[in-house]
Amino acid sequence: MPFVAGVTVFLALLIVVFAAVGLSRVVGHLYQVDKTLEALTGGVDVIADKTSTVPAVVESVNASLLPVRDFAEGI
């Protein structure tokens, strides 16, 4: 194999190796982002559960405010 062809093959292999290293780093970063997003999703689910709607509580609050409503209607 002539010298120039050998250098070309070597440079091509070097480019492939650096591309593979770069892609493996990208995969690592994406894995970390995935773990972070899973943790964030879990936190969002907890917040959604704690801030759910309150239809069961509304009835008791309305019952507690019944004297106030009656007084306000009487004015």
Protein backbone atom coordinates (compact mmCIF):
# COMPACT_ATOMS: atom_id res chain seq x y z
CA MET A 1 0.00 0.00 0.00
CA PRO A 2 1.47 3.37 -0.93
CA PHE A 3 2.34 5.79 1.83
CA VAL A 4 -0.40 8.31 0.95
CA ALA A 5 -3.09 5.61 1.04
CA GLY A 6 -1.87 4.47 4.45
CA VAL A 7 -1.99 8.03 5.80
CA THR A 8 -5.50 8.44 4.38
CA VAL A 9 -6.69 5.25 6.05
CA PHE A 10 -5.04 6.27 9.32
CA LEU A 11 -6.69 9.72 9.24
CA ALA A 12 -10.05 8.17 8.40
CA LEU A 13 -9.73 5.78 11.36
CA LEU A 14 -8.69 8.67 13.59
CA ILE A 15 -11.78 10.63 12.55
CA VAL A 16 -14.00 7.61 13.21
CA VAL A 17 -12.45 7.11 16.65
CA PHE A 18 -12.94 10.76 17.63
CA ALA A 19 -16.51 10.69 16.32
CA ALA A 20 -17.20 7.56 18.37
CA VAL A 21 -15.77 9.19 21.50
CA GLY A 22 -17.86 12.30 20.90
CA LEU A 23 -21.01 10.27 20.38
CA SER A 24 -20.36 8.25 23.52
CA ARG A 25 -20.07 11.51 25.48
CA VAL A 26 -23.37 12.66 23.99
CA VAL A 27 -24.96 9.39 25.10
CA GLY A 28 -23.61 9.96 28.61
CA HIS A 29 -25.03 13.48 28.75
CA LEU A 30 -28.39 12.28 27.46
CA TYR A 31 -28.44 9.57 30.12
CA GLN A 32 -27.86 12.19 32.83
CA VAL A 33 -30.61 14.39 31.38
CA ASP A 34 -32.96 11.39 31.38
CA LYS A 35 -32.24 10.70 35.06
CA THR A 36 -32.81 14.37 35.92
CA LEU A 37 -36.08 14.50 34.00
CA GLU A 38 -37.31 11.33 35.73
CA ALA A 39 -36.59 12.92 39.11
CA LEU A 40 -38.31 16.12 38.00
CA THR A 41 -41.35 14.20 36.80
CA GLY A 42 -41.57 12.47 40.18
CA GLY A 43 -41.45 15.85 41.91
CA VAL A 44 -44.13 17.26 39.63
CA ASP A 45 -46.37 14.28 40.42
CA VAL A 46 -45.95 14.94 44.16
CA ILE A 47 -46.83 18.61 43.69
CA ALA A 48 -49.85 17.67 41.56
CA ASP A 49 -51.07 15.32 44.29
CA LYS A 50 -50.64 17.96 47.00
CA THR A 51 -52.42 20.62 44.96
CA SER A 52 -55.29 18.52 43.68
CA THR A 53 -58.78 19.96 43.48
CA VAL A 54 -60.77 20.28 46.69
CA PRO A 55 -64.40 19.35 45.91
CA ALA A 56 -64.69 17.28 49.11
CA VAL A 57 -63.59 20.21 51.26
CA VAL A 58 -65.85 22.74 49.53
CA GLU A 59 -68.99 21.24 51.08
CA SER A 60 -67.65 21.53 54.63
CA VAL A 61 -66.45 25.08 54.01
CA ASN A 62 -69.85 26.07 52.63
CA ALA A 63 -71.52 24.52 55.67
CA SER A 64 -69.23 26.48 57.98
CA LEU A 65 -70.00 29.73 56.14
CA LEU A 66 -73.78 29.22 56.16
CA PRO A 67 -74.33 31.57 59.16
CA VAL A 68 -72.29 34.26 57.43
CA ARG A 69 -74.33 33.91 54.24
CA ASP A 70 -77.58 34.05 56.17
CA PHE A 71 -76.42 37.18 57.99
CA ALA A 72 -75.33 38.81 54.73
CA GLU A 73 -78.69 38.04 53.10
CA GLY A 74 -80.48 39.53 56.07
CA ILE A 75 -78.80 42.92 55.69
